[in-house]
Amino acid sequence: MPATDPNLARRNRRVGIVAAGMVGGMLGLSFAAVPLYSVFCAVTGYGGTPQIGGTAPGASERVVTVRFNANTHPGLPWKFEAGQNKMEVKVGQEALAFYTAASAGSTPTTGVATYNVTPEIVGPYFHKVQCFCFDQQTLQPGQKAEMPISFWVDPKIADDPSAREVRTITLSYTFFRTLEDAERAGALAKAGPHVGKQRDASLAPPAAR
């Protein structure tokens, strides 16, 4: 049997270490990306992110159809659904809709939702007044919760040539397990210490980064 080349063995070990680090880093970033992406979209309005707050100016004659979509990341043991498929909403009038979430986990689990509307051009005109997505949500094993959202569509949508013809808006939510909850559950236990550093960086205030 030919002797193993020591240089080749060292190179193989280095490649293995780098590959493991990349996998761990990608796992950590997949959790950290949720709050970072939410902050970015809330500031820029990118990706069809609705506006937050404001007072509905009052109903107009125009009516749009709002559809509701619900998704759950595989790492969160919840069943998350829209309470209604769609609603007919008068532009300028505040409306109320509901989502429901039920935990199939054996321990308390905490989730956080990202959201957007399509077509993306409607993002600046879709206002959320109250929403479960503003805060983290914790469910006990077997618990089911009703999650309301109140919203309105800005009449200024009629002044935007690229949005004035929109008649149907889809509001989508995706629930993810929070980074802290994933750590408690051991989902990041094998990712290595570098993931913890990425977590600390993602949670640090802007001035500290």
N, C-alpha and C. Protein backbone atom coordinates (compact mmCIF):
# COMPACT_ATOMS: atom_id res chain seq x y z
N MET A 1 0.84 -1.19 0.00
CA MET A 1 0.00 0.00 0.00
C MET A 1 0.88 1.25 0.00
N PRO A 2 0.64 2.20 -0.90
CA PRO A 2 1.45 3.41 -0.94
C PRO A 2 1.22 4.26 0.29
N ALA A 3 2.27 4.94 0.77
CA ALA A 3 2.15 5.80 1.94
C ALA A 3 1.29 7.02 1.64
N THR A 4 0.56 7.48 2.64
CA THR A 4 -0.30 8.66 2.46
C THR A 4 0.56 9.91 2.44
N ASP A 5 0.31 10.78 1.48
CA ASP A 5 1.04 12.03 1.36
C ASP A 5 0.62 12.95 2.51
N PRO A 6 1.54 13.35 3.40
CA PRO A 6 1.17 14.21 4.54
C PRO A 6 0.57 15.53 4.10
N ASN A 7 1.10 16.11 3.01
CA ASN A 7 0.57 17.39 2.52
C ASN A 7 -0.87 17.23 2.04
N LEU A 8 -1.13 16.11 1.34
CA LEU A 8 -2.49 15.86 0.86
C LEU A 8 -3.44 15.68 2.03
N ALA A 9 -2.99 14.96 3.06
CA ALA A 9 -3.84 14.75 4.23
C ALA A 9 -4.17 16.06 4.91
N ARG A 10 -3.17 16.96 5.02
CA ARG A 10 -3.42 18.26 5.64
C ARG A 10 -4.40 19.07 4.82
N ARG A 11 -4.24 19.03 3.49
CA ARG A 11 -5.16 19.78 2.63
C ARG A 11 -6.59 19.25 2.78
N ASN A 12 -6.73 17.92 2.84
CA ASN A 12 -8.07 17.34 2.99
C ASN A 12 -8.72 17.76 4.30
N ARG A 13 -7.90 17.79 5.39
CA ARG A 13 -8.44 18.22 6.67
C ARG A 13 -8.91 19.67 6.62
N ARG A 14 -8.09 20.52 5.94
CA ARG A 14 -8.47 21.93 5.84
C ARG A 14 -9.78 22.09 5.06
N VAL A 15 -9.89 21.32 3.96
CA VAL A 15 -11.12 21.39 3.17
C VAL A 15 -12.32 20.96 4.00
N GLY A 16 -12.14 19.89 4.80
CA GLY A 16 -13.23 19.42 5.64
C GLY A 16 -13.64 20.44 6.67
N ILE A 17 -12.65 21.10 7.29
CA ILE A 17 -12.96 22.11 8.30
C ILE A 17 -13.69 23.30 7.69
N VAL A 18 -13.22 23.75 6.52
CA VAL A 18 -13.87 24.88 5.84
C VAL A 18 -15.30 24.53 5.45
N ALA A 19 -15.51 23.31 4.93
CA ALA A 19 -16.85 22.89 4.53
C ALA A 19 -17.79 22.85 5.72
N ALA A 20 -17.31 22.31 6.85
CA ALA A 20 -18.14 22.26 8.06
C ALA A 20 -18.47 23.66 8.55
N GLY A 21 -17.49 24.55 8.48
CA GLY A 21 -17.73 25.93 8.90
C GLY A 21 -18.76 26.62 8.03
N MET A 22 -18.70 26.35 6.72
CA MET A 22 -19.67 26.96 5.82
C MET A 22 -21.08 26.47 6.11
N VAL A 23 -21.24 25.16 6.36
CA VAL A 23 -22.56 24.62 6.67
C VAL A 23 -23.10 25.23 7.96
N GLY A 24 -22.24 25.29 9.00
CA GLY A 24 -22.66 25.89 10.26
C GLY A 24 -23.02 27.35 10.10
N GLY A 25 -22.20 28.08 9.32
CA GLY A 25 -22.47 29.49 9.11
C GLY A 25 -23.78 29.73 8.38
N MET A 26 -24.06 28.87 7.39
CA MET A 26 -25.32 29.01 6.65
C MET A 26 -26.50 28.74 7.55
N LEU A 27 -26.38 27.76 8.47
CA LEU A 27 -27.45 27.48 9.40
C LEU A 27 -27.71 28.69 10.30
N GLY A 28 -26.64 29.27 10.83
CA GLY A 28 -26.80 30.43 11.69
C GLY A 28 -27.41 31.60 10.95
N LEU A 29 -26.95 31.83 9.73
CA LEU A 29 -27.48 32.95 8.96
C LEU A 29 -28.93 32.76 8.58
N SER A 30 -29.36 31.49 8.41
CA SER A 30 -30.76 31.25 8.06
C SER A 30 -31.68 31.72 9.17
N PHE A 31 -31.24 31.63 10.43
CA PHE A 31 -32.03 32.15 11.54
C PHE A 31 -31.85 33.66 11.67
N ALA A 32 -30.61 34.13 11.61
CA ALA A 32 -30.34 35.55 11.81
C ALA A 32 -30.93 36.39 10.68
N ALA A 33 -31.08 35.81 9.48
CA ALA A 33 -31.57 36.58 8.34
C ALA A 33 -33.00 37.05 8.52
N VAL A 34 -33.80 36.34 9.32
CA VAL A 34 -35.20 36.72 9.49
C VAL A 34 -35.35 38.09 10.12
N PRO A 35 -34.78 38.35 11.34
CA PRO A 35 -34.92 39.70 11.90
C PRO A 35 -34.20 40.75 11.09
N LEU A 36 -33.04 40.43 10.51
CA LEU A 36 -32.31 41.41 9.72
C LEU A 36 -33.11 41.82 8.48
N TYR A 37 -33.70 40.83 7.81
CA TYR A 37 -34.49 41.12 6.61
C TYR A 37 -35.73 41.95 6.97
N SER A 38 -36.35 41.63 8.11
CA SER A 38 -37.54 42.36 8.53
C SER A 38 -37.22 43.83 8.78
N VAL A 39 -36.10 44.09 9.45
CA VAL A 39 -35.69 45.47 9.71
C VAL A 39 -35.42 46.20 8.41
N PHE A 40 -34.69 45.56 7.50
CA PHE A 40 -34.37 46.18 6.22
C PHE A 40 -35.63 46.55 5.45
N CYS A 41 -36.59 45.61 5.36
CA CYS A 41 -37.81 45.86 4.60
C CYS A 41 -38.69 46.91 5.25
N ALA A 42 -38.71 46.92 6.59
CA ALA A 42 -39.54 47.92 7.28
C ALA A 42 -39.03 49.32 7.03
N VAL A 43 -37.71 49.46 6.88
CA VAL A 43 -37.11 50.77 6.67
C VAL A 43 -37.24 51.21 5.22
N THR A 44 -37.05 50.27 4.28
CA THR A 44 -36.98 50.63 2.87
C THR A 44 -38.27 50.40 2.10
N GLY A 45 -39.18 49.57 2.64
CA GLY A 45 -40.38 49.21 1.89
C GLY A 45 -40.10 48.21 0.80
N TYR A 46 -38.92 47.61 0.83
CA TYR A 46 -38.51 46.67 -0.21
C TYR A 46 -39.35 45.40 -0.16
N GLY A 47 -39.56 44.79 -1.32
CA GLY A 47 -40.20 43.48 -1.41
C GLY A 47 -41.68 43.48 -1.06
N GLY A 48 -42.37 44.59 -1.29
CA GLY A 48 -43.79 44.62 -1.00
C GLY A 48 -44.12 44.69 0.48
N THR A 49 -43.21 45.24 1.29
CA THR A 49 -43.47 45.35 2.72
C THR A 49 -44.51 46.42 2.99
N PRO A 50 -45.62 46.10 3.68
CA PRO A 50 -46.65 47.10 3.96
C PRO A 50 -46.15 48.19 4.90
N GLN A 51 -46.85 49.30 4.89
CA GLN A 51 -46.58 50.37 5.84
C GLN A 51 -47.22 50.02 7.18
N ILE A 52 -46.74 50.63 8.26
CA ILE A 52 -47.23 50.34 9.59
C ILE A 52 -47.88 51.58 10.19
N GLY A 53 -49.09 51.40 10.73
CA GLY A 53 -49.76 52.47 11.44
C GLY A 53 -50.51 53.41 10.51
N GLY A 54 -50.89 54.55 11.07
CA GLY A 54 -51.66 55.53 10.31
C GLY A 54 -53.15 55.34 10.51
N THR A 55 -53.90 56.38 10.22
CA THR A 55 -55.35 56.36 10.37
C THR A 55 -56.02 56.29 9.01
N ALA A 56 -56.94 55.37 8.87
CA ALA A 56 -57.65 55.21 7.60
C ALA A 56 -58.44 56.49 7.31
N PRO A 57 -58.34 57.01 6.09
CA PRO A 57 -59.00 58.28 5.77
C PRO A 57 -60.50 58.17 5.57
N GLY A 58 -61.03 56.96 5.42
CA GLY A 58 -62.46 56.80 5.15
C GLY A 58 -62.69 56.10 3.82
N ALA A 59 -63.79 55.39 3.74
CA ALA A 59 -64.07 54.55 2.58
C ALA A 59 -64.29 55.37 1.31
N SER A 60 -63.79 54.84 0.22
CA SER A 60 -64.05 55.39 -1.11
C SER A 60 -64.93 54.40 -1.86
N GLU A 61 -65.22 54.72 -3.10
CA GLU A 61 -66.07 53.83 -3.89
C GLU A 61 -65.30 52.63 -4.44
N ARG A 62 -64.00 52.75 -4.51
CA ARG A 62 -63.20 51.67 -5.09
C ARG A 62 -63.12 50.48 -4.13
N VAL A 63 -63.20 49.29 -4.68
CA VAL A 63 -63.12 48.05 -3.91
C VAL A 63 -61.99 47.19 -4.46
N VAL A 64 -61.20 46.62 -3.56
CA VAL A 64 -60.15 45.68 -3.95
C VAL A 64 -60.37 44.36 -3.22
N THR A 65 -59.88 43.30 -3.81
CA THR A 65 -59.94 41.98 -3.18
C THR A 65 -58.61 41.71 -2.49
N VAL A 66 -58.65 41.41 -1.21
CA VAL A 66 -57.44 41.07 -0.47
C VAL A 66 -57.47 39.56 -0.20
N ARG A 67 -56.46 38.87 -0.68
CA ARG A 67 -56.31 37.44 -0.42
C ARG A 67 -55.30 37.23 0.70
N PHE A 68 -55.44 36.12 1.42
CA PHE A 68 -54.62 35.87 2.60
C PHE A 68 -53.87 34.54 2.44
N ASN A 69 -52.56 34.60 2.65
CA ASN A 69 -51.71 33.43 2.48
C ASN A 69 -50.94 33.18 3.78
N ALA A 70 -50.75 31.91 4.14
CA ALA A 70 -50.05 31.55 5.37
C ALA A 70 -49.04 30.45 5.09
N ASN A 71 -47.81 30.63 5.62
CA ASN A 71 -46.75 29.64 5.46
C ASN A 71 -46.04 29.45 6.80
N THR A 72 -45.48 28.26 6.99
CA THR A 72 -44.74 27.96 8.22
C THR A 72 -43.41 27.32 7.86
N HIS A 73 -42.33 27.86 8.42
CA HIS A 73 -41.01 27.27 8.20
C HIS A 73 -40.97 25.88 8.83
N PRO A 74 -40.31 24.90 8.18
CA PRO A 74 -40.27 23.52 8.71
C PRO A 74 -39.71 23.42 10.13
N GLY A 75 -38.89 24.39 10.55
CA GLY A 75 -38.30 24.32 11.88
C GLY A 75 -39.25 24.70 13.01
N LEU A 76 -40.45 25.17 12.67
CA LEU A 76 -41.42 25.59 13.68
C LEU A 76 -42.59 24.61 13.67
N PRO A 77 -42.86 23.89 14.77
CA PRO A 77 -43.91 22.86 14.77
C PRO A 77 -45.31 23.44 14.96
N TRP A 78 -45.71 24.34 14.08
CA TRP A 78 -47.02 24.96 14.15
C TRP A 78 -47.82 24.67 12.89
N LYS A 79 -49.12 24.72 13.05
CA LYS A 79 -50.03 24.76 11.90
C LYS A 79 -50.60 26.17 11.84
N PHE A 80 -50.21 26.89 10.83
CA PHE A 80 -50.56 28.31 10.70
C PHE A 80 -51.43 28.49 9.47
N GLU A 81 -52.62 29.08 9.66
CA GLU A 81 -53.59 29.18 8.57
C GLU A 81 -54.29 30.54 8.58
N ALA A 82 -54.76 30.95 7.41
CA ALA A 82 -55.59 32.14 7.32
C ALA A 82 -57.02 31.78 7.69
N GLY A 83 -57.68 32.66 8.44
CA GLY A 83 -59.05 32.41 8.84
C GLY A 83 -60.05 32.64 7.73
N GLN A 84 -59.63 33.28 6.65
CA GLN A 84 -60.47 33.52 5.50
C GLN A 84 -59.59 33.49 4.25
N ASN A 85 -60.16 33.08 3.15
CA ASN A 85 -59.38 33.03 1.90
C ASN A 85 -59.21 34.42 1.30
N LYS A 86 -60.26 35.23 1.34
CA LYS A 86 -60.20 36.55 0.74
C LYS A 86 -61.29 37.43 1.33
N MET A 87 -61.14 38.75 1.12
CA MET A 87 -62.12 39.74 1.57
C MET A 87 -62.24 40.82 0.50
N GLU A 88 -63.45 41.34 0.36
CA GLU A 88 -63.67 42.52 -0.46
C GLU A 88 -63.55 43.75 0.44
N VAL A 89 -62.63 44.64 0.14
CA VAL A 89 -62.33 45.76 1.03
C VAL A 89 -62.46 47.08 0.26
N LYS A 90 -63.13 48.05 0.89
CA LYS A 90 -63.20 49.38 0.29
C LYS A 90 -61.89 50.12 0.56
N VAL A 91 -61.34 50.71 -0.46
CA VAL A 91 -60.11 51.47 -0.33
C VAL A 91 -60.35 52.64 0.63
N GLY A 92 -59.43 52.81 1.59
CA GLY A 92 -59.55 53.89 2.56
C GLY A 92 -60.29 53.51 3.83
N GLN A 93 -60.85 52.30 3.89
CA GLN A 93 -61.61 51.87 5.06
C GLN A 93 -60.85 50.77 5.80
N GLU A 94 -60.76 50.89 7.13
CA GLU A 94 -60.05 49.88 7.91
C GLU A 94 -60.83 48.57 7.94
N ALA A 95 -60.13 47.46 7.80
CA ALA A 95 -60.74 46.14 7.79
C ALA A 95 -60.05 45.24 8.80
N LEU A 96 -60.73 44.19 9.21
CA LEU A 96 -60.21 43.26 10.21
C LEU A 96 -60.24 41.84 9.65
N ALA A 97 -59.11 41.14 9.77
CA ALA A 97 -59.01 39.74 9.33
C ALA A 97 -58.32 38.94 10.41
N PHE A 98 -58.35 37.60 10.26
CA PHE A 98 -57.79 36.74 11.29
C PHE A 98 -56.95 35.63 10.68
N TYR A 99 -55.90 35.25 11.41
CA TYR A 99 -55.13 34.04 11.16
C TYR A 99 -55.21 33.19 12.43
N THR A 100 -54.95 31.89 12.28
CA THR A 100 -54.90 31.01 13.45
C THR A 100 -53.59 30.22 13.42
N ALA A 101 -53.10 29.91 14.62
CA ALA A 101 -51.89 29.11 14.76
C ALA A 101 -52.11 28.09 15.87
N ALA A 102 -51.67 26.86 15.62
CA ALA A 102 -51.78 25.80 16.62
C ALA A 102 -50.44 25.09 16.72
N SER A 103 -50.00 24.86 17.95
CA SER A 103 -48.70 24.22 18.17
C SER A 103 -48.83 22.71 18.27
N ALA A 104 -47.99 22.00 17.51
CA ALA A 104 -47.90 20.55 17.60
C ALA A 104 -46.64 20.13 18.35
N GLY A 105 -45.97 21.09 18.98
CA GLY A 105 -44.72 20.81 19.69
C GLY A 105 -44.99 20.22 21.07
N SER A 106 -43.97 19.64 21.64
CA SER A 106 -44.06 19.04 22.97
C SER A 106 -43.58 19.98 24.06
N THR A 107 -43.06 21.13 23.66
CA THR A 107 -42.60 22.16 24.60
C THR A 107 -43.06 23.52 24.08
N PRO A 108 -43.05 24.56 24.92
CA PRO A 108 -43.41 25.89 24.43
C PRO A 108 -42.48 26.31 23.29
N THR A 109 -43.05 26.92 22.26
CA THR A 109 -42.27 27.36 21.10
C THR A 109 -42.63 28.81 20.78
N THR A 110 -41.64 29.54 20.30
CA THR A 110 -41.83 30.96 20.00
C THR A 110 -41.52 31.21 18.53
N GLY A 111 -42.44 31.90 17.87
CA GLY A 111 -42.26 32.20 16.45
C GLY A 111 -42.34 33.69 16.19
N VAL A 112 -41.83 34.08 15.04
CA VAL A 112 -41.91 35.46 14.58
C VAL A 112 -42.25 35.42 13.10
N ALA A 113 -43.09 36.34 12.66
CA ALA A 113 -43.59 36.30 11.29
C ALA A 113 -42.96 37.38 10.42
N THR A 114 -42.61 37.00 9.21
CA THR A 114 -42.28 37.98 8.18
C THR A 114 -43.52 38.12 7.29
N TYR A 115 -43.58 39.20 6.55
CA TYR A 115 -44.81 39.47 5.79
C TYR A 115 -44.49 40.30 4.56
N ASN A 116 -45.36 40.21 3.58
CA ASN A 116 -45.26 41.09 2.42
C ASN A 116 -46.59 41.04 1.66
N VAL A 117 -46.74 41.96 0.74
CA VAL A 117 -47.91 41.95 -0.13
C VAL A 117 -47.45 41.86 -1.58
N THR A 118 -48.28 41.26 -2.40
CA THR A 118 -48.05 41.23 -3.85
C THR A 118 -49.32 41.69 -4.55
N PRO A 119 -49.16 42.37 -5.68
CA PRO A 119 -47.89 42.76 -6.31
C PRO A 119 -47.10 43.73 -5.44
N GLU A 120 -45.77 43.69 -5.57
CA GLU A 120 -44.90 44.46 -4.68
C GLU A 120 -45.15 45.96 -4.76
N ILE A 121 -45.62 46.44 -5.89
CA ILE A 121 -45.84 47.87 -6.07
C ILE A 121 -46.88 48.41 -5.08
N VAL A 122 -47.70 47.52 -4.51
CA VAL A 122 -48.76 47.93 -3.60
C VAL A 122 -48.24 48.16 -2.18
N GLY A 123 -47.02 47.70 -1.87
CA GLY A 123 -46.47 47.80 -0.53
C GLY A 123 -46.64 49.16 0.14
N PRO A 124 -46.30 50.27 -0.53
CA PRO A 124 -46.42 51.59 0.12
C PRO A 124 -47.85 52.01 0.42
N TYR A 125 -48.85 51.33 -0.18
CA TYR A 125 -50.25 51.74 -0.02
C TYR A 125 -51.04 50.81 0.90
N PHE A 126 -50.39 49.76 1.40
CA PHE A 126 -51.06 48.81 2.28
C PHE A 126 -50.59 49.08 3.71
N HIS A 127 -51.52 49.52 4.56
CA HIS A 127 -51.17 49.93 5.92
C HIS A 127 -51.73 48.92 6.92
N LYS A 128 -50.85 48.46 7.83
CA LYS A 128 -51.27 47.59 8.91
C LYS A 128 -51.33 48.41 10.20
N VAL A 129 -52.49 48.40 10.85
CA VAL A 129 -52.69 49.18 12.06
C VAL A 129 -52.35 48.33 13.29
N GLN A 130 -52.90 47.13 13.35
CA GLN A 130 -52.59 46.18 14.42
C GLN A 130 -52.28 44.84 13.77
N CYS A 131 -51.24 44.16 14.30
CA CYS A 131 -50.85 42.90 13.68
C CYS A 131 -50.07 42.03 14.66
N PHE A 132 -50.33 40.74 14.63
CA PHE A 132 -49.58 39.78 15.46
C PHE A 132 -48.11 39.73 15.07
N CYS A 133 -47.78 40.20 13.87
CA CYS A 133 -46.40 40.14 13.39
C CYS A 133 -45.51 41.19 14.05
N PHE A 134 -46.09 42.13 14.81
CA PHE A 134 -45.27 43.15 15.45
C PHE A 134 -44.46 42.58 16.61
N ASP A 135 -44.89 41.45 17.15
CA ASP A 135 -44.23 40.87 18.33
C ASP A 135 -44.01 39.38 18.12
N GLN A 136 -43.09 38.82 18.89
CA GLN A 136 -42.91 37.38 18.91
C GLN A 136 -44.13 36.73 19.55
N GLN A 137 -44.47 35.52 19.08
CA GLN A 137 -45.63 34.80 19.58
C GLN A 137 -45.18 33.47 20.19
N THR A 138 -45.62 33.18 21.41
CA THR A 138 -45.27 31.93 22.07
C THR A 138 -46.52 31.08 22.27
N LEU A 139 -46.46 29.83 21.87
CA LEU A 139 -47.55 28.89 22.05
C LEU A 139 -47.11 27.73 22.94
N GLN A 140 -48.00 27.33 23.84
CA GLN A 140 -47.76 26.15 24.66
C GLN A 140 -48.10 24.90 23.85
N PRO A 141 -47.62 23.73 24.28
CA PRO A 141 -47.96 22.49 23.55
C PRO A 141 -49.47 22.33 23.41
N GLY A 142 -49.93 22.13 22.19
CA GLY A 142 -51.35 21.94 21.93
C GLY A 142 -52.17 23.21 21.91
N GLN A 143 -51.58 24.35 22.20
CA GLN A 143 -52.34 25.60 22.25
C GLN A 143 -52.69 26.09 20.84
N LYS A 144 -53.89 26.64 20.71
CA LYS A 144 -54.33 27.27 19.47
C LYS A 144 -54.65 28.73 19.75
N ALA A 145 -54.20 29.61 18.88
CA ALA A 145 -54.41 31.04 19.10
C ALA A 145 -54.97 31.68 17.84
N GLU A 146 -55.86 32.64 18.05
CA GLU A 146 -56.41 33.44 16.95
C GLU A 146 -55.61 34.73 16.88
N MET A 147 -55.15 35.07 15.70
CA MET A 147 -54.27 36.22 15.53
C MET A 147 -54.90 37.22 14.57
N PRO A 148 -55.37 38.37 15.10
CA PRO A 148 -56.03 39.36 14.25
C PRO A 148 -55.06 40.30 13.56
N ILE A 149 -55.53 40.88 12.49
CA ILE A 149 -54.79 41.95 11.81
C ILE A 149 -55.80 42.96 11.30
N SER A 150 -55.56 44.23 11.57
CA SER A 150 -56.39 45.30 11.00
C SER A 150 -55.53 46.10 10.02
N PHE A 151 -56.14 46.49 8.92
CA PHE A 151 -55.38 47.11 7.84
C PHE A 151 -56.29 48.00 7.00
N TRP A 152 -55.66 48.81 6.15
CA TRP A 152 -56.40 49.60 5.17
C TRP A 152 -55.53 49.88 3.96
N VAL A 153 -56.16 50.13 2.85
CA VAL A 153 -55.47 50.42 1.59
C VAL A 153 -55.59 51.91 1.31
N ASP A 154 -54.47 52.56 1.09
CA ASP A 154 -54.43 54.01 0.91
C ASP A 154 -55.07 54.40 -0.43
N PRO A 155 -56.01 55.36 -0.41
CA PRO A 155 -56.61 55.84 -1.67
C PRO A 155 -55.58 56.43 -2.64
N LYS A 156 -54.38 56.78 -2.14
CA LYS A 156 -53.34 57.31 -3.02
C LYS A 156 -52.88 56.30 -4.05
N ILE A 157 -53.30 55.05 -3.87
CA ILE A 157 -52.96 54.03 -4.86
C ILE A 157 -53.49 54.41 -6.24
N ALA A 158 -54.58 55.19 -6.25
CA ALA A 158 -55.19 55.60 -7.52
C ALA A 158 -54.34 56.63 -8.26
N ASP A 159 -53.41 57.28 -7.55
CA ASP A 159 -52.56 58.29 -8.17
C ASP A 159 -51.28 57.70 -8.75
N ASP A 160 -51.04 56.42 -8.50
CA ASP A 160 -49.83 55.75 -8.98
C ASP A 160 -50.16 55.00 -10.26
N PRO A 161 -49.62 55.44 -11.41
CA PRO A 161 -49.95 54.78 -12.68
C PRO A 161 -49.64 53.29 -12.70
N SER A 162 -48.63 52.88 -11.94
CA SER A 162 -48.24 51.46 -11.96
C SER A 162 -49.07 50.62 -10.99
N ALA A 163 -49.87 51.26 -10.15
CA ALA A 163 -50.65 50.51 -9.16
C ALA A 163 -52.15 50.74 -9.27
N ARG A 164 -52.56 51.75 -10.00
CA ARG A 164 -53.98 52.12 -9.99
C ARG A 164 -54.89 51.05 -10.58
N GLU A 165 -54.35 50.17 -11.42
CA GLU A 165 -55.17 49.13 -12.02
C GLU A 165 -55.21 47.84 -11.20
N VAL A 166 -54.51 47.81 -10.08
CA VAL A 166 -54.50 46.60 -9.25
C VAL A 166 -55.86 46.41 -8.61
N ARG A 167 -56.40 45.22 -8.76
CA ARG A 167 -57.70 44.90 -8.18
C ARG A 167 -57.63 43.80 -7.13
N THR A 168 -56.51 43.08 -7.10
CA THR A 168 -56.34 41.99 -6.13
C THR A 168 -54.99 42.12 -5.45
N ILE A 169 -54.98 42.09 -4.13
CA ILE A 169 -53.75 42.18 -3.32
C ILE A 169 -53.66 40.90 -2.48
N THR A 170 -52.49 40.29 -2.46
CA THR A 170 -52.28 39.09 -1.63
C THR A 170 -51.37 39.45 -0.46
N LEU A 171 -51.86 39.21 0.74
CA LEU A 171 -51.10 39.44 1.96
C LEU A 171 -50.56 38.09 2.44
N SER A 172 -49.25 37.98 2.55
CA SER A 172 -48.61 36.71 2.90
C SER A 172 -47.82 36.84 4.20
N TYR A 173 -47.94 35.81 5.03
CA TYR A 173 -47.16 35.70 6.26
C TYR A 173 -46.41 34.38 6.28
N THR A 174 -45.20 34.41 6.78
CA THR A 174 -44.44 33.18 7.02
C THR A 174 -43.91 33.23 8.45
N PHE A 175 -44.26 32.21 9.23
CA PHE A 175 -43.79 32.11 10.62
C PHE A 175 -42.50 31.30 10.67
N PHE A 176 -41.50 31.85 11.38
CA PHE A 176 -40.22 31.18 11.62
C PHE A 176 -40.05 31.00 13.12
N ARG A 177 -39.30 29.99 13.49
CA ARG A 177 -38.89 29.86 14.88
C ARG A 177 -37.87 30.95 15.18
N THR A 178 -37.98 31.59 16.35
CA THR A 178 -37.01 32.63 16.68
C THR A 178 -35.65 32.00 16.93
N LEU A 179 -34.61 32.81 16.75
CA LEU A 179 -33.25 32.33 16.96
C LEU A 179 -33.05 31.86 18.39
N GLU A 180 -33.56 32.63 19.36
CA GLU A 180 -33.41 32.27 20.76
C GLU A 180 -34.11 30.94 21.07
N ASP A 181 -35.31 30.75 20.50
CA ASP A 181 -36.05 29.52 20.75
C ASP A 181 -35.36 28.33 20.10
N ALA A 182 -34.78 28.53 18.92
CA ALA A 182 -34.05 27.45 18.26
C ALA A 182 -32.83 27.04 19.07
N GLU A 183 -32.18 28.02 19.68
CA GLU A 183 -31.02 27.71 20.52
C GLU A 183 -31.44 26.90 21.74
N ARG A 184 -32.55 27.31 22.36
CA ARG A 184 -33.02 26.58 23.54
C ARG A 184 -33.38 25.14 23.18
N ALA A 185 -33.92 24.95 21.97
CA ALA A 185 -34.34 23.62 21.54
C ALA A 185 -33.16 22.78 21.04
N GLY A 186 -31.98 23.39 20.92
CA GLY A 186 -30.81 22.66 20.48
C GLY A 186 -30.64 22.60 18.98
N ALA A 187 -31.42 23.39 18.23
CA ALA A 187 -31.33 23.35 16.77
C ALA A 187 -29.99 23.85 16.27
N LEU A 188 -29.30 24.69 17.06
CA LEU A 188 -28.02 25.25 16.64
C LEU A 188 -26.84 24.62 17.38
N ALA A 189 -27.12 23.55 18.15
CA ALA A 189 -26.08 23.01 19.03
C ALA A 189 -24.87 22.51 18.26
N LYS A 190 -25.06 22.02 17.05
CA LYS A 190 -23.97 21.44 16.29
C LYS A 190 -23.35 22.43 15.30
N ALA A 191 -23.80 23.66 15.35
CA ALA A 191 -23.33 24.64 14.36
C ALA A 191 -21.97 25.22 14.71
N GLY A 192 -21.55 25.13 15.97
CA GLY A 192 -20.23 25.63 16.35
C GLY A 192 -20.27 27.01 16.95
N PRO A 193 -19.19 27.44 17.60
CA PRO A 193 -19.17 28.73 18.30
C PRO A 193 -19.28 29.93 17.37
N HIS A 194 -18.89 29.77 16.10
CA HIS A 194 -18.96 30.91 15.18
C HIS A 194 -20.39 31.35 14.95
N VAL A 195 -21.38 30.40 15.09
CA VAL A 195 -22.79 30.76 14.92
C VAL A 195 -23.23 31.68 16.05
N GLY A 196 -22.74 31.40 17.27
CA GLY A 196 -23.07 32.27 18.38
C GLY A 196 -22.57 33.68 18.17
N LYS A 197 -21.38 33.82 17.57
CA LYS A 197 -20.86 35.14 17.28
C LYS A 197 -21.73 35.86 16.26
N GLN A 198 -22.21 35.12 15.24
CA GLN A 198 -23.10 35.72 14.24
C GLN A 198 -24.41 36.14 14.87
N ARG A 199 -24.91 35.30 15.83
CA ARG A 199 -26.14 35.66 16.53
C ARG A 199 -25.94 36.95 17.30
N ASP A 200 -24.84 37.07 18.06
CA ASP A 200 -24.59 38.27 18.83
C ASP A 200 -24.49 39.50 17.94
N ALA A 201 -23.87 39.33 16.78
CA ALA A 201 -23.74 40.46 15.85
C ALA A 201 -25.07 40.88 15.30
N SER A 202 -25.95 39.89 15.01
CA SER A 202 -27.26 40.22 14.44
C SER A 202 -28.17 40.90 15.44
N LEU A 203 -27.97 40.62 16.76
CA LEU A 203 -28.83 41.20 17.78
C LEU A 203 -28.28 42.50 18.37
N ALA A 204 -27.03 42.81 18.04
CA ALA A 204 -26.42 44.03 18.60
C ALA A 204 -27.07 45.28 18.01
N PRO A 205 -27.15 46.38 18.77
CA PRO A 205 -27.70 47.62 18.23
C PRO A 205 -26.82 48.14 17.10
N PRO A 206 -27.42 48.91 16.14
CA PRO A 206 -26.68 49.37 14.97
C PRO A 206 -25.36 50.05 15.31
N ALA A 207 -25.31 50.84 16.40
CA ALA A 207 -24.09 51.57 16.74
C ALA A 207 -22.96 50.65 17.13
N ALA A 208 -23.31 49.43 17.58
CA ALA A 208 -22.30 48.51 18.06
C ALA A 208 -21.77 47.62 16.96
N ARG A 209 -22.36 47.64 15.77
CA ARG A 209 -21.93 46.76 14.68
C ARG A 209 -20.82 47.38 13.86
